């Protein structure tokens, strides 16, 4: 079964949220991700996921420049790919 664009962005945002928490960075983005994930699960409107997912991507890319092994290329690629499904 194919994964829908909404499922892809939801999964990518969940993974980004978990990674940000694991690294202990960007608490504001973590809180925003929590909020938009909850909102999405209630109303299936994914616009917030794309907006905050883009912020998370920017933060992860910036962190990866300083600590390349902390974040996998695959994670960055998956989030970029999910953001392009909009």
C-alpha atoms as a PDB file:
ATOM      1  CA  UNK A   1       0.000   0.000   0.000  1.00  0.00           C
ATOM      2  CA  UNK A   2       1.354   3.416  -0.949  1.00  0.00           C
ATOM      3  CA  UNK A   3       2.002   5.985   1.712  1.00  0.00           C
ATOM      4  CA  UNK A   4       0.038   9.208   1.290  1.00  0.00           C
ATOM      5  CA  UNK A   5       1.652  12.648   1.379  1.00  0.00           C
ATOM      6  CA  UNK A   6      -0.012  13.284   4.749  1.00  0.00           C
ATOM      7  CA  UNK A   7       1.380  10.054   6.185  1.00  0.00           C
ATOM      8  CA  UNK A   8       4.864  10.880   4.891  1.00  0.00           C
ATOM      9  CA  UNK A   9       4.944  14.352   6.412  1.00  0.00           C
ATOM     10  CA  UNK A  10       3.486  13.052   9.685  1.00  0.00           C
ATOM     11  CA  UNK A  11       6.116  10.304   9.959  1.00  0.00           C
ATOM     12  CA  UNK A  12       8.928  12.694   9.038  1.00  0.00           C
ATOM     13  CA  UNK A  13       7.780  15.214  11.649  1.00  0.00           C
ATOM     14  CA  UNK A  14       7.540  12.526  14.334  1.00  0.00           C
ATOM     15  CA  UNK A  15      11.099  11.415  13.535  1.00  0.00           C
ATOM     16  CA  UNK A  16      12.360  15.013  13.508  1.00  0.00           C
ATOM     17  CA  UNK A  17      10.675  15.653  16.875  1.00  0.00           C
ATOM     18  CA  UNK A  18      12.288  12.557  18.373  1.00  0.00           C
ATOM     19  CA  UNK A  19      15.730  13.523  17.037  1.00  0.00           C
ATOM     20  CA  UNK A  20      15.476  17.101  18.327  1.00  0.00           C
ATOM     21  CA  UNK A  21      14.533  15.748  21.756  1.00  0.00           C
ATOM     22  CA  UNK A  22      17.347  13.190  21.681  1.00  0.00           C
ATOM     23  CA  UNK A  23      19.850  15.931  20.862  1.00  0.00           C
ATOM     24  CA  UNK A  24      18.337  18.273  23.466  1.00  0.00           C
ATOM     25  CA  UNK A  25      17.976  21.158  21.019  1.00  0.00           C
ATOM     26  CA  UNK A  26      15.259  23.479  19.709  1.00  0.00           C
ATOM     27  CA  UNK A  27      12.710  23.033  22.487  1.00  0.00           C
ATOM     28  CA  UNK A  28      10.424  25.628  20.875  1.00  0.00           C
ATOM     29  CA  UNK A  29      10.325  23.644  17.614  1.00  0.00           C
ATOM     30  CA  UNK A  30       9.739  20.451  19.596  1.00  0.00           C
ATOM     31  CA  UNK A  31       6.720  22.057  21.281  1.00  0.00           C
ATOM     32  CA  UNK A  32       5.437  23.367  17.949  1.00  0.00           C
ATOM     33  CA  UNK A  33       5.800  19.892  16.418  1.00  0.00           C
ATOM     34  CA  UNK A  34       3.882  18.373  19.325  1.00  0.00           C
ATOM     35  CA  UNK A  35       1.088  20.885  18.789  1.00  0.00           C
ATOM     36  CA  UNK A  36       0.800  20.491  15.014  1.00  0.00           C
ATOM     37  CA  UNK A  37       1.009  16.692  15.239  1.00  0.00           C
ATOM     38  CA  UNK A  38      -1.876  16.688  17.725  1.00  0.00           C
ATOM     39  CA  UNK A  39      -3.825  19.128  15.587  1.00  0.00           C
ATOM     40  CA  UNK A  40      -3.220  17.056  12.455  1.00  0.00           C
ATOM     41  CA  UNK A  41      -4.419  13.898  14.174  1.00  0.00           C
ATOM     42  CA  UNK A  42      -7.652  15.695  15.062  1.00  0.00           C
ATOM     43  CA  UNK A  43      -8.453  17.462  11.795  1.00  0.00           C
ATOM     44  CA  UNK A  44      -6.171  15.894   9.138  1.00  0.00           C
ATOM     45  CA  UNK A  45      -5.055  19.394   8.047  1.00  0.00           C
ATOM     46  CA  UNK A  46      -1.346  19.003   7.294  1.00  0.00           C
ATOM     47  CA  UNK A  47      -0.431  22.654   6.630  1.00  0.00           C
ATOM     48  CA  UNK A  48       1.108  23.067  10.101  1.00  0.00           C
ATOM     49  CA  UNK A  49       3.210  19.945   9.627  1.00  0.00           C
ATOM     50  CA  UNK A  50       4.765  21.437   6.503  1.00  0.00           C
ATOM     51  CA  UNK A  51       5.412  24.794   8.162  1.00  0.00           C
ATOM     52  CA  UNK A  52       6.984  23.456  11.353  1.00  0.00           C
ATOM     53  CA  UNK A  53       8.611  20.533   9.525  1.00  0.00           C
ATOM     54  CA  UNK A  54      10.514  23.096   7.463  1.00  0.00           C
ATOM     55  CA  UNK A  55      11.722  24.781  10.671  1.00  0.00           C
ATOM     56  CA  UNK A  56      12.825  21.416  12.036  1.00  0.00           C
ATOM     57  CA  UNK A  57      14.674  20.635   8.814  1.00  0.00           C
ATOM     58  CA  UNK A  58      16.544  23.926   8.996  1.00  0.00           C
ATOM     59  CA  UNK A  59      17.522  23.255  12.631  1.00  0.00           C
ATOM     60  CA  UNK A  60      18.649  19.689  11.887  1.00  0.00           C
ATOM     61  CA  UNK A  61      20.721  20.745   8.857  1.00  0.00           C
ATOM     62  CA  UNK A  62      22.389  23.476  10.924  1.00  0.00           C
ATOM     63  CA  UNK A  63      23.166  21.036  13.747  1.00  0.00           C
ATOM     64  CA  UNK A  64      24.493  18.455  11.265  1.00  0.00           C
ATOM     65  CA  UNK A  65      27.055  20.976   9.963  1.00  0.00           C
ATOM     66  CA  UNK A  66      28.624  21.138  13.432  1.00  0.00           C
ATOM     67  CA  UNK A  67      28.170  17.456  14.310  1.00  0.00           C
ATOM     68  CA  UNK A  68      27.856  15.454  11.069  1.00  0.00           C
ATOM     69  CA  UNK A  69      27.493  12.054  12.725  1.00  0.00           C
ATOM     70  CA  UNK A  70      24.652  13.118  15.034  1.00  0.00           C
ATOM     71  CA  UNK A  71      22.032  13.166  12.269  1.00  0.00           C
ATOM     72  CA  UNK A  72      21.871  10.765   9.349  1.00  0.00           C
ATOM     73  CA  UNK A  73      21.681  11.911   5.762  1.00  0.00           C
ATOM     74  CA  UNK A  74      18.705   9.576   5.383  1.00  0.00           C
ATOM     75  CA  UNK A  75      16.745  11.485   8.038  1.00  0.00           C
ATOM     76  CA  UNK A  76      17.430  14.805   6.315  1.00  0.00           C
ATOM     77  CA  UNK A  77      16.539  13.307   2.915  1.00  0.00           C
ATOM     78  CA  UNK A  78      13.272  11.794   4.198  1.00  0.00           C
ATOM     79  CA  UNK A  79      12.186  15.085   5.744  1.00  0.00           C
ATOM     80  CA  UNK A  80      13.086  17.004   2.573  1.00  0.00           C
ATOM     81  CA  UNK A  81      11.198  14.484   0.450  1.00  0.00           C
ATOM     82  CA  UNK A  82       8.132  14.682   2.702  1.00  0.00           C
ATOM     83  CA  UNK A  83       8.182  18.491   2.586  1.00  0.00           C
ATOM     84  CA  UNK A  84       8.202  18.369  -1.218  1.00  0.00           C
ATOM     85  CA  UNK A  85       4.954  16.357  -1.290  1.00  0.00           C
ATOM     86  CA  UNK A  86       2.909  19.461  -0.462  1.00  0.00           C
END
